[in-house]
PDB file of N, CA and C in Angstrom:
ATOM      1  N   UNK A   1      24.482  -3.170  36.367  1.00  0.00           N
ATOM      2  CA  UNK A   1      24.480  -3.360  34.938  1.00  0.00           C
ATOM      3  C   UNK A   1      23.057  -3.144  34.422  1.00  0.00           C
ATOM      4  N   UNK A   2      22.959  -2.494  33.286  1.00  0.00           N
ATOM      5  CA  UNK A   2      21.637  -2.175  32.741  1.00  0.00           C
ATOM      6  C   UNK A   2      20.922  -3.429  32.252  1.00  0.00           C
ATOM      7  N   UNK A   3      19.629  -3.450  32.507  1.00  0.00           N
ATOM      8  CA  UNK A   3      18.813  -4.582  32.088  1.00  0.00           C
ATOM      9  C   UNK A   3      18.686  -4.577  30.570  1.00  0.00           C
ATOM     10  N   UNK A   4      18.923  -5.716  29.948  1.00  0.00           N
ATOM     11  CA  UNK A   4      18.838  -5.835  28.499  1.00  0.00           C
ATOM     12  C   UNK A   4      20.183  -5.810  27.811  1.00  0.00           C
ATOM     13  N   UNK A   5      21.227  -5.449  28.550  1.00  0.00           N
ATOM     14  CA  UNK A   5      22.553  -5.369  27.941  1.00  0.00           C
ATOM     15  C   UNK A   5      23.108  -6.758  27.644  1.00  0.00           C
ATOM     16  N   UNK A   6      22.910  -7.690  28.550  1.00  0.00           N
ATOM     17  CA  UNK A   6      23.434  -9.046  28.353  1.00  0.00           C
ATOM     18  C   UNK A   6      22.768  -9.743  27.152  1.00  0.00           C
ATOM     19  N   UNK A   7      21.438  -9.709  27.007  1.00  0.00           N
ATOM     20  CA  UNK A   7      20.851 -10.329  25.808  1.00  0.00           C
ATOM     21  C   UNK A   7      21.284  -9.653  24.511  1.00  0.00           C
ATOM     22  N   UNK A   8      21.473  -8.347  24.543  1.00  0.00           N
ATOM     23  CA  UNK A   8      21.888  -7.648  23.326  1.00  0.00           C
ATOM     24  C   UNK A   8      23.312  -8.045  22.927  1.00  0.00           C
ATOM     25  N   UNK A   9      24.207  -8.125  23.896  1.00  0.00           N
ATOM     26  CA  UNK A   9      25.588  -8.502  23.589  1.00  0.00           C
ATOM     27  C   UNK A   9      25.659  -9.972  23.182  1.00  0.00           C
ATOM     28  N   UNK A  10      24.952 -10.829  23.898  1.00  0.00           N
ATOM     29  CA  UNK A  10      24.921 -12.246  23.558  1.00  0.00           C
ATOM     30  C   UNK A  10      24.333 -12.453  22.161  1.00  0.00           C
ATOM     31  N   UNK A  11      23.290 -11.720  21.840  1.00  0.00           N
ATOM     32  CA  UNK A  11      22.697 -11.812  20.505  1.00  0.00           C
ATOM     33  C   UNK A  11      23.642 -11.352  19.417  1.00  0.00           C
ATOM     34  N   UNK A  12      24.461 -10.353  19.719  1.00  0.00           N
ATOM     35  CA  UNK A  12      25.445  -9.887  18.748  1.00  0.00           C
ATOM     36  C   UNK A  12      26.481 -10.968  18.470  1.00  0.00           C
ATOM     37  N   UNK A  13      26.935 -11.641  19.525  1.00  0.00           N
ATOM     38  CA  UNK A  13      27.921 -12.707  19.363  1.00  0.00           C
ATOM     39  C   UNK A  13      27.332 -13.881  18.581  1.00  0.00           C
ATOM     40  N   UNK A  14      26.118 -14.267  18.906  1.00  0.00           N
ATOM     41  CA  UNK A  14      25.467 -15.383  18.218  1.00  0.00           C
ATOM     42  C   UNK A  14      25.185 -15.022  16.760  1.00  0.00           C
ATOM     43  N   UNK A  15      24.787 -13.785  16.504  1.00  0.00           N
ATOM     44  CA  UNK A  15      24.538 -13.353  15.128  1.00  0.00           C
ATOM     45  C   UNK A  15      25.814 -13.366  14.303  1.00  0.00           C
ATOM     46  N   UNK A  16      26.908 -12.943  14.903  1.00  0.00           N
ATOM     47  CA  UNK A  16      28.186 -12.944  14.194  1.00  0.00           C
ATOM     48  C   UNK A  16      28.634 -14.369  13.870  1.00  0.00           C
ATOM     49  N   UNK A  17      28.424 -15.276  14.803  1.00  0.00           N
ATOM     50  CA  UNK A  17      28.815 -16.662  14.527  1.00  0.00           C
ATOM     51  C   UNK A  17      27.907 -17.281  13.463  1.00  0.00           C
ATOM     52  N   UNK A  18      26.632 -16.945  13.477  1.00  0.00           N
ATOM     53  CA  UNK A  18      25.727 -17.432  12.438  1.00  0.00           C
ATOM     54  C   UNK A  18      26.070 -16.867  11.071  1.00  0.00           C
ATOM     55  N   UNK A  19      26.456 -15.599  11.031  1.00  0.00           N
ATOM     56  CA  UNK A  19      26.848 -14.987   9.758  1.00  0.00           C
ATOM     57  C   UNK A  19      28.143 -15.605   9.234  1.00  0.00           C
ATOM     58  N   UNK A  20      29.047 -15.967  10.134  1.00  0.00           N
ATOM     59  CA  UNK A  20      30.298 -16.591   9.720  1.00  0.00           C
ATOM     60  C   UNK A  20      30.058 -17.989   9.154  1.00  0.00           C
ATOM     61  N   UNK A  21      29.021 -18.666   9.619  1.00  0.00           N
ATOM     62  CA  UNK A  21      28.722 -20.014   9.144  1.00  0.00           C
ATOM     63  C   UNK A  21      27.918 -20.042   7.849  1.00  0.00           C
ATOM     64  N   UNK A  22      27.463 -18.896   7.371  1.00  0.00           N
ATOM     65  CA  UNK A  22      26.614 -18.882   6.174  1.00  0.00           C
ATOM     66  C   UNK A  22      27.326 -19.425   4.938  1.00  0.00           C
ATOM     67  N   UNK A  23      28.636 -19.327   4.886  1.00  0.00           N
ATOM     68  CA  UNK A  23      29.367 -19.827   3.734  1.00  0.00           C
ATOM     69  C   UNK A  23      29.678 -21.306   3.799  1.00  0.00           C
ATOM     70  N   UNK A  24      29.324 -21.962   4.896  1.00  0.00           N
ATOM     71  CA  UNK A  24      29.646 -23.376   5.049  1.00  0.00           C
ATOM     72  C   UNK A  24      28.543 -24.249   4.460  1.00  0.00           C
ATOM     73  N   UNK A  25      28.701 -25.557   4.611  1.00  0.00           N
ATOM     74  CA  UNK A  25      27.689 -26.475   4.086  1.00  0.00           C
ATOM     75  C   UNK A  25      26.457 -26.557   4.984  1.00  0.00           C
ATOM     76  N   UNK A  26      26.505 -25.935   6.168  1.00  0.00           N
ATOM     77  CA  UNK A  26      25.386 -25.939   7.114  1.00  0.00           C
ATOM     78  C   UNK A  26      24.580 -24.645   7.004  1.00  0.00           C
ATOM     79  N   UNK A  27      24.132 -24.339   5.816  1.00  0.00           N
ATOM     80  CA  UNK A  27      23.457 -23.067   5.562  1.00  0.00           C
ATOM     81  C   UNK A  27      22.139 -22.925   6.325  1.00  0.00           C
ATOM     82  N   UNK A  28      21.367 -24.003   6.448  1.00  0.00           N
ATOM     83  CA  UNK A  28      20.085 -23.940   7.162  1.00  0.00           C
ATOM     84  C   UNK A  28      20.301 -23.717   8.657  1.00  0.00           C
ATOM     85  N   UNK A  29      21.276 -24.384   9.234  1.00  0.00           N
ATOM     86  CA  UNK A  29      21.578 -24.207  10.654  1.00  0.00           C
ATOM     87  C   UNK A  29      22.099 -22.793  10.894  1.00  0.00           C
ATOM     88  N   UNK A  30      22.950 -22.311   9.990  1.00  0.00           N
ATOM     89  CA  UNK A  30      23.496 -20.965  10.125  1.00  0.00           C
ATOM     90  C   UNK A  30      22.397 -19.915  10.057  1.00  0.00           C
ATOM     91  N   UNK A  31      21.411 -20.125   9.208  1.00  0.00           N
ATOM     92  CA  UNK A  31      20.294 -19.190   9.112  1.00  0.00           C
ATOM     93  C   UNK A  31      19.484 -19.180  10.407  1.00  0.00           C
ATOM     94  N   UNK A  32      19.273 -20.342  10.985  1.00  0.00           N
ATOM     95  CA  UNK A  32      18.553 -20.418  12.255  1.00  0.00           C
ATOM     96  C   UNK A  32      19.307 -19.743  13.385  1.00  0.00           C
ATOM     97  N   UNK A  33      20.630 -19.968  13.445  1.00  0.00           N
ATOM     98  CA  UNK A  33      21.457 -19.340  14.473  1.00  0.00           C
ATOM     99  C   UNK A  33      21.461 -17.826  14.299  1.00  0.00           C
ATOM    100  N   UNK A  34      21.544 -17.373  13.065  1.00  0.00           N
ATOM    101  CA  UNK A  34      21.524 -15.936  12.787  1.00  0.00           C
ATOM    102  C   UNK A  34      20.198 -15.312  13.211  1.00  0.00           C
ATOM    103  N   UNK A  35      19.093 -15.966  12.907  1.00  0.00           N
ATOM    104  CA  UNK A  35      17.784 -15.457  13.319  1.00  0.00           C
ATOM    105  C   UNK A  35      17.606 -15.444  14.822  1.00  0.00           C
ATOM    106  N   UNK A  36      18.109 -16.481  15.489  1.00  0.00           N
ATOM    107  CA  UNK A  36      18.040 -16.555  16.947  1.00  0.00           C
ATOM    108  C   UNK A  36      18.837 -15.415  17.572  1.00  0.00           C
ATOM    109  N   UNK A  37      20.009 -15.139  17.023  1.00  0.00           N
ATOM    110  CA  UNK A  37      20.831 -14.041  17.539  1.00  0.00           C
ATOM    111  C   UNK A  37      20.190 -12.683  17.304  1.00  0.00           C
ATOM    112  N   UNK A  38      19.621 -12.497  16.126  1.00  0.00           N
ATOM    113  CA  UNK A  38      18.973 -11.216  15.831  1.00  0.00           C
ATOM    114  C   UNK A  38      17.751 -10.992  16.720  1.00  0.00           C
ATOM    115  N   UNK A  39      17.035 -12.062  17.038  1.00  0.00           N
ATOM    116  CA  UNK A  39      15.896 -11.928  17.948  1.00  0.00           C
ATOM    117  C   UNK A  39      16.365 -11.474  19.331  1.00  0.00           C
ATOM    118  N   UNK A  40      17.501 -11.997  19.797  1.00  0.00           N
ATOM    119  CA  UNK A  40      18.021 -11.576  21.089  1.00  0.00           C
ATOM    120  C   UNK A  40      18.488 -10.121  21.059  1.00  0.00           C
ATOM    121  N   UNK A  41      19.055  -9.694  19.942  1.00  0.00           N
ATOM    122  CA  UNK A  41      19.468  -8.300  19.830  1.00  0.00           C
ATOM    123  C   UNK A  41      18.247  -7.389  19.923  1.00  0.00           C
ATOM    124  N   UNK A  42      17.194  -7.742  19.225  1.00  0.00           N
ATOM    125  CA  UNK A  42      15.975  -6.922  19.235  1.00  0.00           C
ATOM    126  C   UNK A  42      15.352  -6.890  20.630  1.00  0.00           C
ATOM    127  N   UNK A  43      15.245  -8.044  21.275  1.00  0.00           N
ATOM    128  CA  UNK A  43      14.636  -8.083  22.602  1.00  0.00           C
ATOM    129  C   UNK A  43      15.499  -7.360  23.633  1.00  0.00           C
ATOM    130  N   UNK A  44      16.818  -7.473  23.522  1.00  0.00           N
ATOM    131  CA  UNK A  44      17.705  -6.742  24.421  1.00  0.00           C
ATOM    132  C   UNK A  44      17.607  -5.244  24.213  1.00  0.00           C
ATOM    133  N   UNK A  45      17.498  -4.825  22.959  1.00  0.00           N
ATOM    134  CA  UNK A  45      17.357  -3.398  22.669  1.00  0.00           C
ATOM    135  C   UNK A  45      16.038  -2.857  23.208  1.00  0.00           C
ATOM    136  N   UNK A  46      14.980  -3.648  23.106  1.00  0.00           N
ATOM    137  CA  UNK A  46      13.690  -3.224  23.658  1.00  0.00           C
ATOM    138  C   UNK A  46      13.802  -3.045  25.161  1.00  0.00           C
ATOM    139  N   UNK A  47      14.471  -3.976  25.834  1.00  0.00           N
ATOM    140  CA  UNK A  47      14.668  -3.850  27.282  1.00  0.00           C
ATOM    141  C   UNK A  47      15.496  -2.618  27.627  1.00  0.00           C
ATOM    142  N   UNK A  48      16.530  -2.359  26.852  1.00  0.00           N
ATOM    143  CA  UNK A  48      17.372  -1.189  27.111  1.00  0.00           C
ATOM    144  C   UNK A  48      16.577   0.121  26.976  1.00  0.00           C
ATOM    145  N   UNK A  49      15.737   0.176  25.950  1.00  0.00           N
ATOM    146  CA  UNK A  49      14.949   1.395  25.716  1.00  0.00           C
ATOM    147  C   UNK A  49      13.854   1.532  26.775  1.00  0.00           C
ATOM    148  N   UNK A  50      13.246   0.406  27.127  1.00  0.00           N
ATOM    149  CA  UNK A  50      12.124   0.425  28.055  1.00  0.00           C
ATOM    150  C   UNK A  50      12.541   0.796  29.484  1.00  0.00           C
ATOM    151  N   UNK A  51      13.725   0.398  29.897  1.00  0.00           N
ATOM    152  CA  UNK A  51      14.169   0.608  31.277  1.00  0.00           C
ATOM    153  C   UNK A  51      15.252   1.698  31.364  1.00  0.00           C
ATOM    154  N   UNK A  52      14.976   2.827  30.792  1.00  0.00           N
ATOM    155  CA  UNK A  52      15.941   3.937  30.822  1.00  0.00           C
ATOM    156  C   UNK A  52      16.053   4.506  32.189  1.00  0.00           C
TER     157      UNK A  52
END
């Protein structure tokens, strides 16, 4: 399995769950979860590009 694929996929799932929570009363927590997921997507993508 390619290095960086797991963080990118995990970040996508976490970002989607954070985006789904944005309409709830936990807007601050949802924003943090969304940012955490997007950071994992970016770091996973960097790993994927770096280890071609």
